[in-house]
PDB file of N, CA and C in Angstrom:
ATOM      1  N   MET A   1      10.895   5.119  18.137  1.00  0.00           N
ATOM      2  CA  MET A   1      12.077   4.756  17.385  1.00  0.00           C
ATOM      3  C   MET A   1      11.963   3.327  16.858  1.00  0.00           C
ATOM      4  N   VAL A   2      11.432   2.449  17.694  1.00  0.00           N
ATOM      5  CA  VAL A   2      11.266   1.059  17.276  1.00  0.00           C
ATOM      6  C   VAL A   2      10.232   0.967  16.150  1.00  0.00           C
ATOM      7  N   GLY A   3       9.190   1.768  16.230  1.00  0.00           N
ATOM      8  CA  GLY A   3       8.174   1.789  15.182  1.00  0.00           C
ATOM      9  C   GLY A   3       8.742   2.269  13.856  1.00  0.00           C
ATOM     10  N   ILE A   4       9.564   3.308  13.911  1.00  0.00           N
ATOM     11  CA  ILE A   4      10.197   3.816  12.697  1.00  0.00           C
ATOM     12  C   ILE A   4      11.146   2.768  12.128  1.00  0.00           C
ATOM     13  N   TYR A   5      11.915   2.139  12.996  1.00  0.00           N
ATOM     14  CA  TYR A   5      12.828   1.095  12.535  1.00  0.00           C
ATOM     15  C   TYR A   5      12.051  -0.023  11.834  1.00  0.00           C
ATOM     16  N   SER A   6      10.982  -0.475  12.453  1.00  0.00           N
ATOM     17  CA  SER A   6      10.180  -1.563  11.874  1.00  0.00           C
ATOM     18  C   SER A   6       9.563  -1.160  10.534  1.00  0.00           C
ATOM     19  N   ALA A   7       8.997   0.021  10.486  1.00  0.00           N
ATOM     20  CA  ALA A   7       8.360   0.489   9.249  1.00  0.00           C
ATOM     21  C   ALA A   7       9.386   0.673   8.135  1.00  0.00           C
ATOM     22  N   PHE A   8      10.519   1.266   8.463  1.00  0.00           N
ATOM     23  CA  PHE A   8      11.535   1.506   7.439  1.00  0.00           C
ATOM     24  C   PHE A   8      12.168   0.194   6.968  1.00  0.00           C
ATOM     25  N   LYS A   9      12.241  -0.778   7.834  1.00  0.00           N
ATOM     26  CA  LYS A   9      12.752  -2.093   7.432  1.00  0.00           C
ATOM     27  C   LYS A   9      11.836  -2.707   6.368  1.00  0.00           C
ATOM     28  N   GLU A  10      10.536  -2.576   6.580  1.00  0.00           N
ATOM     29  CA  GLU A  10       9.562  -3.072   5.601  1.00  0.00           C
ATOM     30  C   GLU A  10       9.623  -2.276   4.305  1.00  0.00           C
ATOM     31  N   LEU A  11       9.740  -0.960   4.424  1.00  0.00           N
ATOM     32  CA  LEU A  11       9.810  -0.115   3.231  1.00  0.00           C
ATOM     33  C   LEU A  11      11.068  -0.418   2.414  1.00  0.00           C
ATOM     34  N   LYS A  12      12.172  -0.680   3.096  1.00  0.00           N
ATOM     35  CA  LYS A  12      13.407  -1.042   2.396  1.00  0.00           C
ATOM     36  C   LYS A  12      13.205  -2.349   1.629  1.00  0.00           C
ATOM     37  N   ALA A  13      12.578  -3.326   2.268  1.00  0.00           N
ATOM     38  CA  ALA A  13      12.317  -4.620   1.619  1.00  0.00           C
ATOM     39  C   ALA A  13      11.427  -4.455   0.384  1.00  0.00           C
ATOM     40  N   LEU A  14      10.585  -3.435   0.400  1.00  0.00           N
ATOM     41  CA  LEU A  14       9.700  -3.166  -0.737  1.00  0.00           C
ATOM     42  C   LEU A  14      10.369  -2.297  -1.814  1.00  0.00           C
ATOM     43  N   GLY A  15      11.597  -1.861  -1.546  1.00  0.00           N
ATOM     44  CA  GLY A  15      12.351  -1.109  -2.533  1.00  0.00           C
ATOM     45  C   GLY A  15      12.217   0.399  -2.478  1.00  0.00           C
ATOM     46  N   TYR A  16      11.648   0.928  -1.414  1.00  0.00           N
ATOM     47  CA  TYR A  16      11.498   2.385  -1.289  1.00  0.00           C
ATOM     48  C   TYR A  16      12.813   3.025  -0.850  1.00  0.00           C
ATOM     49  N   ASN A  17      13.026   4.264  -1.278  1.00  0.00           N
ATOM     50  CA  ASN A  17      14.230   5.017  -0.912  1.00  0.00           C
ATOM     51  C   ASN A  17      13.984   6.021   0.204  1.00  0.00           C
ATOM     52  N   PHE A  18      12.736   6.509   0.300  1.00  0.00           N
ATOM     53  CA  PHE A  18      12.393   7.512   1.301  1.00  0.00           C
ATOM     54  C   PHE A  18      11.140   7.091   2.048  1.00  0.00           C
ATOM     55  N   GLY A  19      11.046   7.562   3.296  1.00  0.00           N
ATOM     56  CA  GLY A  19       9.854   7.303   4.096  1.00  0.00           C
ATOM     57  C   GLY A  19       9.375   8.590   4.743  1.00  0.00           C
ATOM     58  N   PHE A  20       8.069   8.763   4.767  1.00  0.00           N
ATOM     59  CA  PHE A  20       7.459   9.929   5.410  1.00  0.00           C
ATOM     60  C   PHE A  20       6.956   9.487   6.774  1.00  0.00           C
ATOM     61  N   THR A  21       7.445  10.107   7.828  1.00  0.00           N
ATOM     62  CA  THR A  21       6.966   9.795   9.171  1.00  0.00           C
ATOM     63  C   THR A  21       5.843  10.751   9.529  1.00  0.00           C
ATOM     64  N   LEU A  22       4.947  10.227  10.331  1.00  0.00           N
ATOM     65  CA  LEU A  22       3.761  10.980  10.688  1.00  0.00           C
ATOM     66  C   LEU A  22       3.266  10.509  12.041  1.00  0.00           C
ATOM     67  N   SER A  23       2.977  11.434  12.903  1.00  0.00           N
ATOM     68  CA  SER A  23       2.421  11.109  14.206  1.00  0.00           C
ATOM     69  C   SER A  23       0.970  10.663  14.047  1.00  0.00           C
ATOM     70  N   CYS A  24       0.556   9.747  14.877  1.00  0.00           N
ATOM     71  CA  CYS A  24      -0.818   9.232  14.780  1.00  0.00           C
ATOM     72  C   CYS A  24      -1.841  10.165  15.416  1.00  0.00           C
ATOM     73  N   ASP A  25      -1.388  11.224  16.064  1.00  0.00           N
ATOM     74  CA  ASP A  25      -2.327  12.120  16.749  1.00  0.00           C
ATOM     75  C   ASP A  25      -2.420  13.505  16.106  1.00  0.00           C
ATOM     76  N   ASN A  26      -2.190  13.563  14.784  1.00  0.00           N
ATOM     77  CA  ASN A  26      -2.334  14.800  14.022  1.00  0.00           C
ATOM     78  C   ASN A  26      -3.506  14.656  13.057  1.00  0.00           C
ATOM     79  N   PRO A  27      -4.727  14.929  13.520  1.00  0.00           N
ATOM     80  CA  PRO A  27      -5.895  14.668  12.676  1.00  0.00           C
ATOM     81  C   PRO A  27      -6.174  15.703  11.585  1.00  0.00           C
ATOM     82  N   PHE A  28      -5.458  16.819  11.593  1.00  0.00           N
ATOM     83  CA  PHE A  28      -5.793  17.895  10.660  1.00  0.00           C
ATOM     84  C   PHE A  28      -4.715  18.153   9.615  1.00  0.00           C
ATOM     85  N   LEU A  29      -4.076  17.111   9.180  1.00  0.00           N
ATOM     86  CA  LEU A  29      -3.024  17.247   8.171  1.00  0.00           C
ATOM     87  C   LEU A  29      -3.574  17.838   6.890  1.00  0.00           C
ATOM     88  N   LYS A  30      -2.779  18.647   6.272  1.00  0.00           N
ATOM     89  CA  LYS A  30      -3.153  19.204   4.975  1.00  0.00           C
ATOM     90  C   LYS A  30      -2.290  18.530   3.912  1.00  0.00           C
ATOM     91  N   SER A  31      -2.943  17.983   2.911  1.00  0.00           N
ATOM     92  CA  SER A  31      -2.207  17.281   1.864  1.00  0.00           C
ATOM     93  C   SER A  31      -1.232  18.205   1.141  1.00  0.00           C
ATOM     94  N   GLU A  32      -1.541  19.492   1.078  1.00  0.00           N
ATOM     95  CA  GLU A  32      -0.643  20.455   0.429  1.00  0.00           C
ATOM     96  C   GLU A  32       0.692  20.566   1.169  1.00  0.00           C
ATOM     97  N   VAL A  33       0.651  20.424   2.486  1.00  0.00           N
ATOM     98  CA  VAL A  33       1.875  20.493   3.284  1.00  0.00           C
ATOM     99  C   VAL A  33       2.716  19.244   3.038  1.00  0.00           C
ATOM    100  N   ILE A  34       2.072  18.106   2.994  1.00  0.00           N
ATOM    101  CA  ILE A  34       2.796  16.862   2.700  1.00  0.00           C
ATOM    102  C   ILE A  34       3.418  16.948   1.309  1.00  0.00           C
ATOM    103  N   GLN A  35       2.660  17.444   0.338  1.00  0.00           N
ATOM    104  CA  GLN A  35       3.183  17.575  -1.029  1.00  0.00           C
ATOM    105  C   GLN A  35       4.383  18.510  -1.069  1.00  0.00           C
ATOM    106  N   LEU A  36       4.345  19.577  -0.271  1.00  0.00           N
ATOM    107  CA  LEU A  36       5.479  20.498  -0.212  1.00  0.00           C
ATOM    108  C   LEU A  36       6.742  19.764   0.237  1.00  0.00           C
ATOM    109  N   LEU A  37       6.621  18.952   1.284  1.00  0.00           N
ATOM    110  CA  LEU A  37       7.779  18.189   1.752  1.00  0.00           C
ATOM    111  C   LEU A  37       8.298  17.262   0.650  1.00  0.00           C
ATOM    112  N   ILE A  38       7.391  16.593  -0.030  1.00  0.00           N
ATOM    113  CA  ILE A  38       7.783  15.696  -1.126  1.00  0.00           C
ATOM    114  C   ILE A  38       8.506  16.491  -2.210  1.00  0.00           C
ATOM    115  N   ASP A  39       7.969  17.637  -2.562  1.00  0.00           N
ATOM    116  CA  ASP A  39       8.578  18.472  -3.604  1.00  0.00           C
ATOM    117  C   ASP A  39       9.953  18.995  -3.190  1.00  0.00           C
ATOM    118  N   GLU A  40      10.163  19.161  -1.898  1.00  0.00           N
ATOM    119  CA  GLU A  40      11.407  19.751  -1.390  1.00  0.00           C
ATOM    120  C   GLU A  40      12.522  18.726  -1.155  1.00  0.00           C
ATOM    121  N   ILE A  41      12.266  17.441  -1.310  1.00  0.00           N
ATOM    122  CA  ILE A  41      13.320  16.447  -1.052  1.00  0.00           C
ATOM    123  C   ILE A  41      14.438  16.604  -2.074  1.00  0.00           C
ATOM    124  N   ASP A  42      14.097  16.775  -3.348  1.00  0.00           N
ATOM    125  CA  ASP A  42      15.016  17.065  -4.445  1.00  0.00           C
ATOM    126  C   ASP A  42      16.382  16.376  -4.274  1.00  0.00           C
ATOM    127  N   THR A  43      17.429  17.130  -4.010  1.00  0.00           N
ATOM    128  CA  THR A  43      18.776  16.555  -3.879  1.00  0.00           C
ATOM    129  C   THR A  43      19.171  16.338  -2.422  1.00  0.00           C
ATOM    130  N   TYR A  44      18.221  16.471  -1.527  1.00  0.00           N
ATOM    131  CA  TYR A  44      18.502  16.299  -0.101  1.00  0.00           C
ATOM    132  C   TYR A  44      18.283  14.840   0.318  1.00  0.00           C
ATOM    133  N   ASN A  45      18.846  14.491   1.479  1.00  0.00           N
ATOM    134  CA  ASN A  45      18.595  13.184   2.069  1.00  0.00           C
ATOM    135  C   ASN A  45      17.335  13.211   2.924  1.00  0.00           C
ATOM    136  N   CYS A  46      16.992  14.398   3.413  1.00  0.00           N
ATOM    137  CA  CYS A  46      15.948  14.496   4.436  1.00  0.00           C
ATOM    138  C   CYS A  46      15.301  15.872   4.368  1.00  0.00           C
ATOM    139  N   VAL A  47      13.996  15.926   4.667  1.00  0.00           N
ATOM    140  CA  VAL A  47      13.287  17.200   4.784  1.00  0.00           C
ATOM    141  C   VAL A  47      12.565  17.204   6.128  1.00  0.00           C
ATOM    142  N   ILE A  48      12.857  18.221   6.932  1.00  0.00           N
ATOM    143  CA  ILE A  48      12.250  18.333   8.260  1.00  0.00           C
ATOM    144  C   ILE A  48      11.739  19.747   8.470  1.00  0.00           C
ATOM    145  N   PRO A  49      10.466  19.904   8.802  1.00  0.00           N
ATOM    146  CA  PRO A  49       9.964  21.234   9.140  1.00  0.00           C
ATOM    147  C   PRO A  49      10.638  21.765  10.409  1.00  0.00           C
ATOM    148  N   LYS A  50      10.903  23.062  10.396  1.00  0.00           N
ATOM    149  CA  LYS A  50      11.620  23.689  11.510  1.00  0.00           C
ATOM    150  C   LYS A  50      10.973  25.026  11.845  1.00  0.00           C
ATOM    151  N   TRP A  51      10.668  25.220  13.128  1.00  0.00           N
ATOM    152  CA  TRP A  51      10.138  26.487  13.613  1.00  0.00           C
ATOM    153  C   TRP A  51      11.278  27.490  13.727  1.00  0.00           C
ATOM    154  N   LYS A  52      10.957  28.784  13.700  1.00  0.00           N
ATOM    155  CA  LYS A  52      12.019  29.797  13.733  1.00  0.00           C
ATOM    156  C   LYS A  52      12.840  29.766  15.024  1.00  0.00           C
ATOM    157  N   GLN A  53      12.291  29.206  16.102  1.00  0.00           N
ATOM    158  CA  GLN A  53      13.072  29.084  17.335  1.00  0.00           C
ATOM    159  C   GLN A  53      13.900  27.790  17.348  1.00  0.00           C
ATOM    160  N   ASN A  54      14.078  27.201  16.159  1.00  0.00           N
ATOM    161  CA  ASN A  54      14.914  26.014  15.914  1.00  0.00           C
ATOM    162  C   ASN A  54      14.327  24.701  16.406  1.00  0.00           C
ATOM    163  N   TYR A  55      13.074  24.680  16.794  1.00  0.00           N
ATOM    164  CA  TYR A  55      12.426  23.428  17.173  1.00  0.00           C
ATOM    165  C   TYR A  55      12.067  22.667  15.898  1.00  0.00           C
ATOM    166  N   LEU A  56      12.444  21.396  15.859  1.00  0.00           N
ATOM    167  CA  LEU A  56      12.168  20.550  14.700  1.00  0.00           C
ATOM    168  C   LEU A  56      10.884  19.758  14.893  1.00  0.00           C
ATOM    169  N   GLU A  57      10.301  19.338  13.791  1.00  0.00           N
ATOM    170  CA  GLU A  57       9.131  18.456  13.785  1.00  0.00           C
ATOM    171  C   GLU A  57       9.561  17.106  13.190  1.00  0.00           C
ATOM    172  N   PRO A  58      10.311  16.309  13.965  1.00  0.00           N
ATOM    173  CA  PRO A  58      10.875  15.066  13.421  1.00  0.00           C
ATOM    174  C   PRO A  58       9.851  13.976  13.122  1.00  0.00           C
ATOM    175  N   LEU A  59       8.630  14.120  13.634  1.00  0.00           N
ATOM    176  CA  LEU A  59       7.585  13.146  13.309  1.00  0.00           C
ATOM    177  C   LEU A  59       6.730  13.583  12.131  1.00  0.00           C
ATOM    178  N   PHE A  60       7.163  14.607  11.454  1.00  0.00           N
ATOM    179  CA  PHE A  60       6.466  15.095  10.266  1.00  0.00           C
ATOM    180  C   PHE A  60       7.554  15.397   9.242  1.00  0.00           C
ATOM    181  N   ALA A  61       8.238  14.345   8.793  1.00  0.00           N
ATOM    182  CA  ALA A  61       9.430  14.541   7.982  1.00  0.00           C
ATOM    183  C   ALA A  61       9.625  13.398   6.990  1.00  0.00           C
ATOM    184  N   ILE A  62      10.486  13.650   6.029  1.00  0.00           N
ATOM    185  CA  ILE A  62      10.864  12.625   5.063  1.00  0.00           C
ATOM    186  C   ILE A  62      12.305  12.240   5.341  1.00  0.00           C
ATOM    187  N   TYR A  63      12.537  10.936   5.476  1.00  0.00           N
ATOM    188  CA  TYR A  63      13.861  10.406   5.789  1.00  0.00           C
ATOM    189  C   TYR A  63      14.338   9.451   4.702  1.00  0.00           C
ATOM    190  N   PRO A  64      15.666   9.340   4.553  1.00  0.00           N
ATOM    191  CA  PRO A  64      16.211   8.337   3.642  1.00  0.00           C
ATOM    192  C   PRO A  64      16.154   6.969   4.336  1.00  0.00           C
ATOM    193  N   ILE A  65      15.455   6.037   3.738  1.00  0.00           N
ATOM    194  CA  ILE A  65      15.190   4.750   4.390  1.00  0.00           C
ATOM    195  C   ILE A  65      16.464   4.056   4.883  1.00  0.00           C
ATOM    196  N   GLU A  66      17.383   3.814   3.982  1.00  0.00           N
ATOM    197  CA  GLU A  66      18.558   3.025   4.358  1.00  0.00           C
ATOM    198  C   GLU A  66      19.393   3.713   5.437  1.00  0.00           C
ATOM    199  N   LYS A  67      19.623   4.990   5.276  1.00  0.00           N
ATOM    200  CA  LYS A  67      20.409   5.737   6.263  1.00  0.00           C
ATOM    201  C   LYS A  67      19.679   5.816   7.605  1.00  0.00           C
ATOM    202  N   ALA A  68      18.375   6.040   7.550  1.00  0.00           N
ATOM    203  CA  ALA A  68      17.589   6.137   8.789  1.00  0.00           C
ATOM    204  C   ALA A  68      17.530   4.792   9.506  1.00  0.00           C
ATOM    205  N   LEU A  69      17.491   3.711   8.748  1.00  0.00           N
ATOM    206  CA  LEU A  69      17.501   2.384   9.364  1.00  0.00           C
ATOM    207  C   LEU A  69      18.772   2.170  10.183  1.00  0.00           C
ATOM    208  N   LYS A  70      19.896   2.532   9.608  1.00  0.00           N
ATOM    209  CA  LYS A  70      21.180   2.398  10.319  1.00  0.00           C
ATOM    210  C   LYS A  70      21.196   3.266  11.571  1.00  0.00           C
ATOM    211  N   SER A  71      20.727   4.498  11.438  1.00  0.00           N
ATOM    212  CA  SER A  71      20.693   5.412  12.587  1.00  0.00           C
ATOM    213  C   SER A  71      19.739   4.906  13.665  1.00  0.00           C
ATOM    214  N   ALA A  72      18.566   4.407  13.249  1.00  0.00           N
ATOM    215  CA  ALA A  72      17.583   3.911  14.220  1.00  0.00           C
ATOM    216  C   ALA A  72      18.130   2.704  14.967  1.00  0.00           C
ATOM    217  N   LYS A  73      18.769   1.805  14.252  1.00  0.00           N
ATOM    218  CA  LYS A  73      19.349   0.616  14.895  1.00  0.00           C
ATOM    219  C   LYS A  73      20.397   1.025  15.923  1.00  0.00           C
ATOM    220  N   ARG A  74      21.249   1.962  15.552  1.00  0.00           N
ATOM    221  CA  ARG A  74      22.288   2.461  16.460  1.00  0.00           C
ATOM    222  C   ARG A  74      21.646   3.131  17.680  1.00  0.00           C
ATOM    223  N   SER A  75      20.619   3.938  17.450  1.00  0.00           N
ATOM    224  CA  SER A  75      19.943   4.635  18.556  1.00  0.00           C
ATOM    225  C   SER A  75      19.260   3.654  19.502  1.00  0.00           C
ATOM    226  N   ILE A  76      18.627   2.627  18.952  1.00  0.00           N
ATOM    227  CA  ILE A  76      17.951   1.625  19.785  1.00  0.00           C
ATOM    228  C   ILE A  76      18.973   0.885  20.644  1.00  0.00           C
ATOM    229  N   LYS A  77      20.100   0.530  20.060  1.00  0.00           N
ATOM    230  CA  LYS A  77      21.157  -0.155  20.834  1.00  0.00           C
ATOM    231  C   LYS A  77      21.652   0.714  21.983  1.00  0.00           C
ATOM    232  N   ARG A  78      21.691   2.029  21.752  1.00  0.00           N
ATOM    233  CA  ARG A  78      22.158   2.974  22.783  1.00  0.00           C
ATOM    234  C   ARG A  78      21.044   3.408  23.727  1.00  0.00           C
ATOM    235  N   LYS A  79      19.829   2.909  23.456  1.00  0.00           N
ATOM    236  CA  LYS A  79      18.641   3.285  24.226  1.00  0.00           C
ATOM    237  C   LYS A  79      18.383   4.782  24.171  1.00  0.00           C
ATOM    238  N   ASN A  80      18.682   5.353  23.029  1.00  0.00           N
ATOM    239  CA  ASN A  80      18.422   6.761  22.765  1.00  0.00           C
ATOM    240  C   ASN A  80      17.231   6.814  21.811  1.00  0.00           C
ATOM    241  N   TYR A  81      16.060   7.103  22.337  1.00  0.00           N
ATOM    242  CA  TYR A  81      14.840   7.054  21.542  1.00  0.00           C
ATOM    243  C   TYR A  81      14.388   8.418  21.038  1.00  0.00           C
ATOM    244  N   LYS A  82      15.216   9.418  21.216  1.00  0.00           N
ATOM    245  CA  LYS A  82      14.895  10.754  20.735  1.00  0.00           C
ATOM    246  C   LYS A  82      14.966  10.737  19.206  1.00  0.00           C
ATOM    247  N   LEU A  83      13.909  11.182  18.559  1.00  0.00           N
ATOM    248  CA  LEU A  83      13.844  11.086  17.103  1.00  0.00           C
ATOM    249  C   LEU A  83      14.932  11.868  16.380  1.00  0.00           C
ATOM    250  N   THR A  84      15.392  12.923  16.960  1.00  0.00           N
ATOM    251  CA  THR A  84      16.457  13.678  16.306  1.00  0.00           C
ATOM    252  C   THR A  84      17.768  12.894  16.285  1.00  0.00           C
ATOM    253  N   SER A  85      17.854  11.804  17.044  1.00  0.00           N
ATOM    254  CA  SER A  85      19.062  10.977  16.986  1.00  0.00           C
ATOM    255  C   SER A  85      19.154  10.220  15.658  1.00  0.00           C
ATOM    256  N   LEU A  86      18.067  10.214  14.891  1.00  0.00           N
ATOM    257  CA  LEU A  86      18.111   9.625  13.547  1.00  0.00           C
ATOM    258  C   LEU A  86      19.020  10.420  12.624  1.00  0.00           C
ATOM    259  N   LEU A  87      19.079  11.719  12.844  1.00  0.00           N
ATOM    260  CA  LEU A  87      19.807  12.611  11.947  1.00  0.00           C
ATOM    261  C   LEU A  87      21.306  12.391  12.053  1.00  0.00           C
ATOM    262  N   ASP A  88      21.950  12.407  10.907  1.00  0.00           N
ATOM    263  CA  ASP A  88      23.394  12.205  10.854  1.00  0.00           C
ATOM    264  C   ASP A  88      24.034  13.474  10.319  1.00  0.00           C
ATOM    265  N   LYS A  89      25.173  13.827  10.853  1.00  0.00           N
ATOM    266  CA  LYS A  89      25.852  15.058  10.438  1.00  0.00           C
ATOM    267  C   LYS A  89      26.238  15.056   8.959  1.00  0.00           C
ATOM    268  N   ASP A  90      26.333  13.881   8.358  1.00  0.00           N
ATOM    269  CA  ASP A  90      26.708  13.777   6.948  1.00  0.00           C
ATOM    270  C   ASP A  90      25.521  13.870   5.987  1.00  0.00           C
ATOM    271  N   TRP A  91      24.308  13.905   6.530  1.00  0.00           N
ATOM    272  CA  TRP A  91      23.128  13.998   5.674  1.00  0.00           C
ATOM    273  C   TRP A  91      22.976  15.414   5.136  1.00  0.00           C
ATOM    274  N   ARG A  92      22.456  15.504   3.937  1.00  0.00           N
ATOM    275  CA  ARG A  92      22.052  16.796   3.382  1.00  0.00           C
ATOM    276  C   ARG A  92      20.593  16.986   3.801  1.00  0.00           C
ATOM    277  N   ILE A  93      20.381  17.877   4.774  1.00  0.00           N
ATOM    278  CA  ILE A  93      19.043  18.068   5.344  1.00  0.00           C
ATOM    279  C   ILE A  93      18.472  19.406   4.919  1.00  0.00           C
ATOM    280  N   ASN A  94      17.259  19.363   4.427  1.00  0.00           N
ATOM    281  CA  ASN A  94      16.521  20.564   4.076  1.00  0.00           C
ATOM    282  C   ASN A  94      15.613  20.891   5.266  1.00  0.00           C
ATOM    283  N   TYR A  95      16.015  21.891   6.057  1.00  0.00           N
ATOM    284  CA  TYR A  95      15.195  22.349   7.171  1.00  0.00           C
ATOM    285  C   TYR A  95      14.198  23.357   6.609  1.00  0.00           C
ATOM    286  N   LEU A  96      12.974  22.929   6.474  1.00  0.00           N
ATOM    287  CA  LEU A  96      11.936  23.718   5.826  1.00  0.00           C
ATOM    288  C   LEU A  96      11.274  24.652   6.842  1.00  0.00           C
ATOM    289  N   SER A  97      11.395  25.943   6.623  1.00  0.00           N
ATOM    290  CA  SER A  97      10.827  26.934   7.542  1.00  0.00           C
ATOM    291  C   SER A  97       9.303  26.795   7.611  1.00  0.00           C
ATOM    292  N   ILE A  98       8.810  26.569   8.799  1.00  0.00           N
ATOM    293  CA  ILE A  98       7.368  26.439   8.987  1.00  0.00           C
ATOM    294  C   ILE A  98       6.681  27.787   8.784  1.00  0.00           C
ATOM    295  N   GLU A  99       7.258  28.821   9.358  1.00  0.00           N
ATOM    296  CA  GLU A  99       6.638  30.147   9.261  1.00  0.00           C
ATOM    297  C   GLU A  99       6.676  30.705   7.841  1.00  0.00           C
ATOM    298  N   GLU A 100       7.748  30.448   7.113  1.00  0.00           N
ATOM    299  CA  GLU A 100       7.884  31.026   5.773  1.00  0.00           C
ATOM    300  C   GLU A 100       7.304  30.150   4.666  1.00  0.00           C
ATOM    301  N   ARG A 101       7.489  28.845   4.756  1.00  0.00           N
ATOM    302  CA  ARG A 101       7.112  27.965   3.651  1.00  0.00           C
ATOM    303  C   ARG A 101       5.800  27.211   3.873  1.00  0.00           C
ATOM    304  N   ILE A 102       5.514  26.860   5.121  1.00  0.00           N
ATOM    305  CA  ILE A 102       4.324  26.048   5.392  1.00  0.00           C
ATOM    306  C   ILE A 102       3.111  26.912   5.735  1.00  0.00           C
ATOM    307  N   LYS A 103       3.327  28.014   6.412  1.00  0.00           N
ATOM    308  CA  LYS A 103       2.209  28.879   6.813  1.00  0.00           C
ATOM    309  C   LYS A 103       1.322  29.298   5.638  1.00  0.00           C
ATOM    310  N   PRO A 104       1.864  29.613   4.459  1.00  0.00           N
ATOM    311  CA  PRO A 104       0.965  29.967   3.345  1.00  0.00           C
ATOM    312  C   PRO A 104       0.007  28.839   2.956  1.00  0.00           C
ATOM    313  N   LEU A 105       0.351  27.604   3.266  1.00  0.00           N
ATOM    314  CA  LEU A 105      -0.496  26.452   2.950  1.00  0.00           C
ATOM    315  C   LEU A 105      -1.380  26.037   4.120  1.00  0.00           C
ATOM    316  N   ASP A 106      -0.988  26.439   5.316  1.00  0.00           N
ATOM    317  CA  ASP A 106      -1.679  26.027   6.541  1.00  0.00           C
ATOM    318  C   ASP A 106      -1.581  27.176   7.550  1.00  0.00           C
ATOM    319  N   MET A 107      -2.398  28.189   7.345  1.00  0.00           N
ATOM    320  CA  MET A 107      -2.327  29.436   8.113  1.00  0.00           C
ATOM    321  C   MET A 107      -2.324  29.254   9.631  1.00  0.00           C
ATOM    322  N   ASN A 108      -3.097  28.290  10.118  1.00  0.00           N
ATOM    323  CA  ASN A 108      -3.201  28.079  11.563  1.00  0.00           C
ATOM    324  C   ASN A 108      -2.344  26.917  12.057  1.00  0.00           C
ATOM    325  N   PHE A 109      -1.483  26.408  11.200  1.00  0.00           N
ATOM    326  CA  PHE A 109      -0.577  25.303  11.537  1.00  0.00           C
ATOM    327  C   PHE A 109      -1.312  24.072  12.052  1.00  0.00           C
ATOM    328  N   LYS A 110      -2.497  23.821  11.510  1.00  0.00           N
ATOM    329  CA  LYS A 110      -3.293  22.682  11.958  1.00  0.00           C
ATOM    330  C   LYS A 110      -2.600  21.344  11.702  1.00  0.00           C
ATOM    331  N   SER A 111      -1.749  21.286  10.698  1.00  0.00           N
ATOM    332  CA  SER A 111      -1.046  20.035  10.397  1.00  0.00           C
ATOM    333  C   SER A 111      -0.168  19.586  11.563  1.00  0.00           C
ATOM    334  N   PHE A 112       0.206  20.520  12.419  1.00  0.00           N
ATOM    335  CA  PHE A 112       1.085  20.196  13.543  1.00  0.00           C
ATOM    336  C   PHE A 112       0.343  20.074  14.874  1.00  0.00           C
ATOM    337  N   PHE A 113      -0.971  20.210  14.832  1.00  0.00           N
ATOM    338  CA  PHE A 113      -1.757  20.127  16.063  1.00  0.00           C
ATOM    339  C   PHE A 113      -1.879  18.675  16.511  1.00  0.00           C
ATOM    340  N   ASN A 114      -1.463  18.408  17.748  1.00  0.00           N
ATOM    341  CA  ASN A 114      -1.558  17.065  18.333  1.00  0.00           C
ATOM    342  C   ASN A 114      -2.799  16.967  19.198  1.00  0.00           C
ATOM    343  N   LEU A 115      -3.554  15.932  18.983  1.00  0.00           N
ATOM    344  CA  LEU A 115      -4.747  15.655  19.772  1.00  0.00           C
ATOM    345  C   LEU A 115      -4.363  14.587  20.792  1.00  0.00           C
ATOM    346  N   ASN A 116      -4.069  15.027  22.034  1.00  0.00           N
ATOM    347  CA  ASN A 116      -3.535  14.120  23.041  1.00  0.00           C
ATOM    348  C   ASN A 116      -4.433  13.884  24.253  1.00  0.00           C
ATOM    349  N   LYS A 117      -5.262  14.849  24.561  1.00  0.00           N
ATOM    350  CA  LYS A 117      -6.070  14.737  25.790  1.00  0.00           C
ATOM    351  C   LYS A 117      -7.459  15.311  25.546  1.00  0.00           C
ATOM    352  N   PRO A 118      -8.399  14.971  26.397  1.00  0.00           N
ATOM    353  CA  PRO A 118      -9.779  15.451  26.204  1.00  0.00           C
ATOM    354  C   PRO A 118      -9.895  16.973  26.067  1.00  0.00           C
ATOM    355  N   SER A 119      -9.065  17.703  26.781  1.00  0.00           N
ATOM    356  CA  SER A 119      -9.150  19.171  26.685  1.00  0.00           C
ATOM    357  C   SER A 119      -8.764  19.669  25.289  1.00  0.00           C
ATOM    358  N   ASP A 120      -7.998  18.891  24.535  1.00  0.00           N
ATOM    359  CA  ASP A 120      -7.657  19.266  23.159  1.00  0.00           C
ATOM    360  C   ASP A 120      -8.915  19.291  22.286  1.00  0.00           C
ATOM    361  N   LEU A 121      -9.867  18.433  22.596  1.00  0.00           N
ATOM    362  CA  LEU A 121     -11.132  18.432  21.853  1.00  0.00           C
ATOM    363  C   LEU A 121     -11.872  19.751  22.052  1.00  0.00           C
ATOM    364  N   ASP A 122     -11.853  20.238  23.280  1.00  0.00           N
ATOM    365  CA  ASP A 122     -12.481  21.529  23.562  1.00  0.00           C
ATOM    366  C   ASP A 122     -11.798  22.648  22.769  1.00  0.00           C
ATOM    367  N   TYR A 123     -10.496  22.574  22.684  1.00  0.00           N
ATOM    368  CA  TYR A 123      -9.720  23.598  21.986  1.00  0.00           C
ATOM    369  C   TYR A 123     -10.090  23.635  20.497  1.00  0.00           C
ATOM    370  N   ILE A 124     -10.226  22.486  19.878  1.00  0.00           N
ATOM    371  CA  ILE A 124     -10.484  22.468  18.434  1.00  0.00           C
ATOM    372  C   ILE A 124     -11.926  22.859  18.097  1.00  0.00           C
ATOM    373  N   GLU A 125     -12.829  22.687  19.042  1.00  0.00           N
ATOM    374  CA  GLU A 125     -14.210  23.104  18.806  1.00  0.00           C
ATOM    375  C   GLU A 125     -14.296  24.605  18.763  1.00  0.00           C
TER     376      GLU A 125
END
């Protein structure tokens, strides 16, 4: 949360309206999936991939810089570091179906694969 706050503060100073968050342990991102999120922002404040069981991918999303900065600051003050605490009920959020919209671009969902431990290396081989 602190990292997002810091990055979005810099992006705001540079005049950006939106920020794309990305986990540092996703080595197999597909540029087509990122482009899909960019294309889907349209009239929304935020685009977040969502699995059919309602699990969100908040570290692979596009957020409105100014609104997210306010939410992040509030969350940090409350010591609530859960990324979904960035979301505000007043935002227009495009929950992008992973199974329906992203799977055609990334059949094995590699964009969401986290490389966290040595055994993950064995899995990807």
